[in-house]
Amino acid sequence: MPSTRIVQHIRASRAKVYRALIDPAAVAVWKVPDDMSCQIHFFEAREGGRFRISLTYQEPGHAGKTTSHSDTYHGRFARLVPDELVVEVDEFETQDPTLQGEMTITLTLRDAEGGTELLAVHDDLPPGLSPADNELGWRISLAKLAAYVEGRA
């Protein structure tokens, strides 16, 4: 199955970036494309903890994966290593068989000059999810993460 791989440099410590990856209030700000809003239904930031999140388009004309205007997904934290690693397993809530199935997102943090390098790998994309669209969405979200932890958001 296809995957995407993105590197983002963030001018903040690994500890600060890690906190933003597992804080539901921060996730609601950065882990959402610019043209959508985010609702955190529940979020258990611990290994084995579960979460459920809905992203809703602000403008008409976009088709959602779950409803006509929203994408809802649920998942679990498969592995958490403080200040180093977040592995989550996500699945869209959809009736479309081409968008069903578990996806694994691995976020690895490394020291880099002037801050942190975040490597985001999104594996097992379902066939109905365009890798190019997924990559664009992640690039937007990771830029928002950088702005958030750098105090520019």
Protein backbone atom coordinates (compact mmCIF):
# COMPACT_ATOMS: atom_id res chain seq x y z
CA MET A 1 0.00 0.00 0.00
CA PRO A 2 1.21 3.55 -0.66
CA SER A 3 2.82 5.76 1.94
CA THR A 4 4.00 9.33 2.33
CA ARG A 5 7.18 10.59 3.99
CA ILE A 6 7.74 14.20 5.05
CA VAL A 7 10.48 15.98 6.99
CA GLN A 8 9.76 19.21 8.87
CA HIS A 9 12.36 21.32 10.69
CA ILE A 10 10.96 22.97 13.81
CA ARG A 11 12.76 25.67 15.82
CA ALA A 12 11.83 24.19 19.19
CA SER A 13 13.04 21.45 21.50
CA ARG A 14 11.99 17.84 21.01
CA ALA A 15 10.17 18.01 24.36
CA LYS A 16 8.06 20.96 23.21
CA VAL A 17 7.26 19.32 19.85
CA TYR A 18 6.38 16.02 21.54
CA ARG A 19 3.97 17.76 23.92
CA ALA A 20 2.18 19.33 20.93
CA LEU A 21 1.83 15.89 19.33
CA ILE A 22 -0.02 14.43 22.32
CA ASP A 23 -1.93 17.45 23.67
CA PRO A 24 -5.51 17.45 22.35
CA ALA A 25 -5.78 21.26 22.50
CA ALA A 26 -2.63 21.58 20.38
CA VAL A 27 -3.75 18.82 17.98
CA ALA A 28 -7.02 20.70 17.40
CA VAL A 29 -4.95 23.68 16.19
CA TRP A 30 -2.25 22.11 14.04
CA LYS A 31 -3.53 18.74 12.80
CA VAL A 32 -6.15 20.19 10.51
CA PRO A 33 -5.91 21.56 6.96
CA ASP A 34 -6.44 25.31 6.53
CA ASP A 35 -9.91 24.92 5.02
CA MET A 36 -11.26 22.72 7.83
CA SER A 37 -12.12 22.91 11.53
CA CYS A 38 -11.29 20.23 14.08
CA GLN A 39 -13.36 18.63 16.82
CA ILE A 40 -11.70 16.27 19.31
CA HIS A 41 -14.37 13.83 20.55
CA PHE A 42 -12.00 12.03 22.92
CA PHE A 43 -8.23 11.77 23.22
CA GLU A 44 -6.32 9.50 25.61
CA ALA A 45 -2.66 10.50 25.30
CA ARG A 46 -1.09 7.28 26.56
CA GLU A 47 0.26 4.15 24.93
CA GLY A 48 -2.80 2.10 24.01
CA GLY A 49 -4.99 5.19 24.45
CA ARG A 50 -7.72 5.88 21.93
CA PHE A 51 -8.86 9.00 20.12
CA ARG A 52 -11.62 10.14 17.79
CA ILE A 53 -11.40 13.31 15.71
CA SER A 54 -13.63 15.01 13.12
CA LEU A 55 -12.44 17.48 10.51
CA THR A 56 -15.16 19.58 8.85
CA TYR A 57 -14.84 21.63 5.67
CA GLN A 58 -15.62 25.32 6.16
CA GLU A 59 -16.67 25.99 2.57
CA PRO A 60 -19.20 24.12 0.44
CA GLY A 61 -17.99 22.12 -2.52
CA HIS A 62 -15.75 19.67 -0.67
CA ALA A 63 -16.78 16.07 -0.25
CA GLY A 64 -16.06 14.48 3.11
CA LYS A 65 -15.12 10.87 3.69
CA THR A 66 -17.60 10.33 6.54
CA THR A 67 -20.42 12.78 5.80
CA SER A 68 -20.99 15.24 2.98
CA HIS A 69 -18.64 17.79 4.61
CA SER A 70 -16.58 15.97 7.23
CA ASP A 71 -13.90 13.37 7.77
CA THR A 72 -14.07 11.49 11.06
CA TYR A 73 -11.37 9.07 12.08
CA HIS A 74 -10.58 7.10 15.18
CA GLY A 75 -7.47 5.34 16.32
CA ARG A 76 -5.06 4.43 19.05
CA PHE A 77 -1.57 5.30 20.17
CA ALA A 78 0.41 2.16 19.39
CA ARG A 79 3.67 3.49 20.81
CA LEU A 80 4.77 6.61 22.67
CA VAL A 81 8.38 7.34 23.56
CA PRO A 82 8.57 10.73 25.28
CA ASP A 83 10.42 13.37 23.22
CA GLU A 84 11.27 10.78 20.51
CA LEU A 85 8.38 8.90 18.92
CA VAL A 86 4.62 8.81 18.38
CA VAL A 87 3.08 5.89 16.50
CA GLU A 88 -0.63 6.00 15.92
CA VAL A 89 -2.98 3.74 14.00
CA ASP A 90 -5.88 5.60 12.37
CA GLU A 91 -8.96 4.53 10.46
CA PHE A 92 -11.54 6.66 8.66
CA GLU A 93 -15.17 6.19 9.63
CA THR A 94 -16.63 5.72 6.18
CA GLN A 95 -18.87 3.47 4.12
CA ASP A 96 -16.54 3.82 1.12
CA PRO A 97 -14.57 0.55 0.88
CA THR A 98 -11.74 2.32 -0.96
CA LEU A 99 -11.11 4.50 2.12
CA GLN A 100 -11.39 1.78 4.77
CA GLY A 101 -8.54 0.12 6.63
CA GLU A 102 -5.98 0.98 9.25
CA MET A 103 -3.19 3.44 8.47
CA THR A 104 -0.06 3.81 10.57
CA ILE A 105 1.46 7.22 11.25
CA THR A 106 4.97 7.30 12.70
CA LEU A 107 6.32 10.64 13.92
CA THR A 108 10.01 10.52 14.83
CA LEU A 109 11.79 13.43 16.55
CA ARG A 110 15.53 14.02 16.24
CA ASP A 111 17.78 16.82 17.41
CA ALA A 112 18.66 19.17 14.57
CA GLU A 113 20.59 22.40 14.38
CA GLY A 114 18.44 25.07 15.95
CA GLY A 115 15.68 22.70 17.03
CA THR A 116 14.05 19.44 16.01
CA GLU A 117 13.68 17.44 12.84
CA LEU A 118 10.33 15.70 12.62
CA LEU A 119 10.02 12.77 10.22
CA ALA A 120 6.40 11.88 9.47
CA VAL A 121 5.74 8.57 7.73
CA HIS A 122 2.16 7.68 6.86
CA ASP A 123 1.93 4.00 5.84
CA ASP A 124 -0.84 1.81 4.46
CA LEU A 125 -2.88 4.54 2.78
CA PRO A 126 -6.15 3.06 1.51
CA PRO A 127 -6.50 2.94 -2.28
CA GLY A 128 -9.12 5.72 -2.32
CA LEU A 129 -6.76 8.21 -0.63
CA SER A 130 -4.47 10.03 -3.03
CA PRO A 131 -0.85 9.96 -1.78
CA ALA A 132 -0.34 13.44 -3.29
CA ASP A 133 -3.37 14.85 -1.43
CA ASN A 134 -2.28 13.11 1.77
CA GLU A 135 1.21 14.56 1.46
CA LEU A 136 -0.15 18.06 0.84
CA GLY A 137 -2.42 17.81 3.88
CA TRP A 138 0.47 16.64 6.05
CA ARG A 139 2.77 19.40 4.77
CA ILE A 140 0.16 22.00 5.70
CA SER A 141 -0.42 20.44 9.12
CA LEU A 142 3.29 20.08 9.93
CA ALA A 143 3.90 23.71 8.95
CA LYS A 144 1.08 24.64 11.34
CA LEU A 145 2.70 22.46 14.03
CA ALA A 146 5.99 24.33 13.53
CA ALA A 147 4.25 27.70 13.76
CA TYR A 148 2.38 26.57 16.87
CA VAL A 149 5.40 25.39 18.86
CA GLU A 150 7.58 28.25 17.61
CA GLY A 151 4.99 30.73 18.90
CA ARG A 152 4.02 32.03 15.44
CA ALA A 153 0.45 30.67 15.45
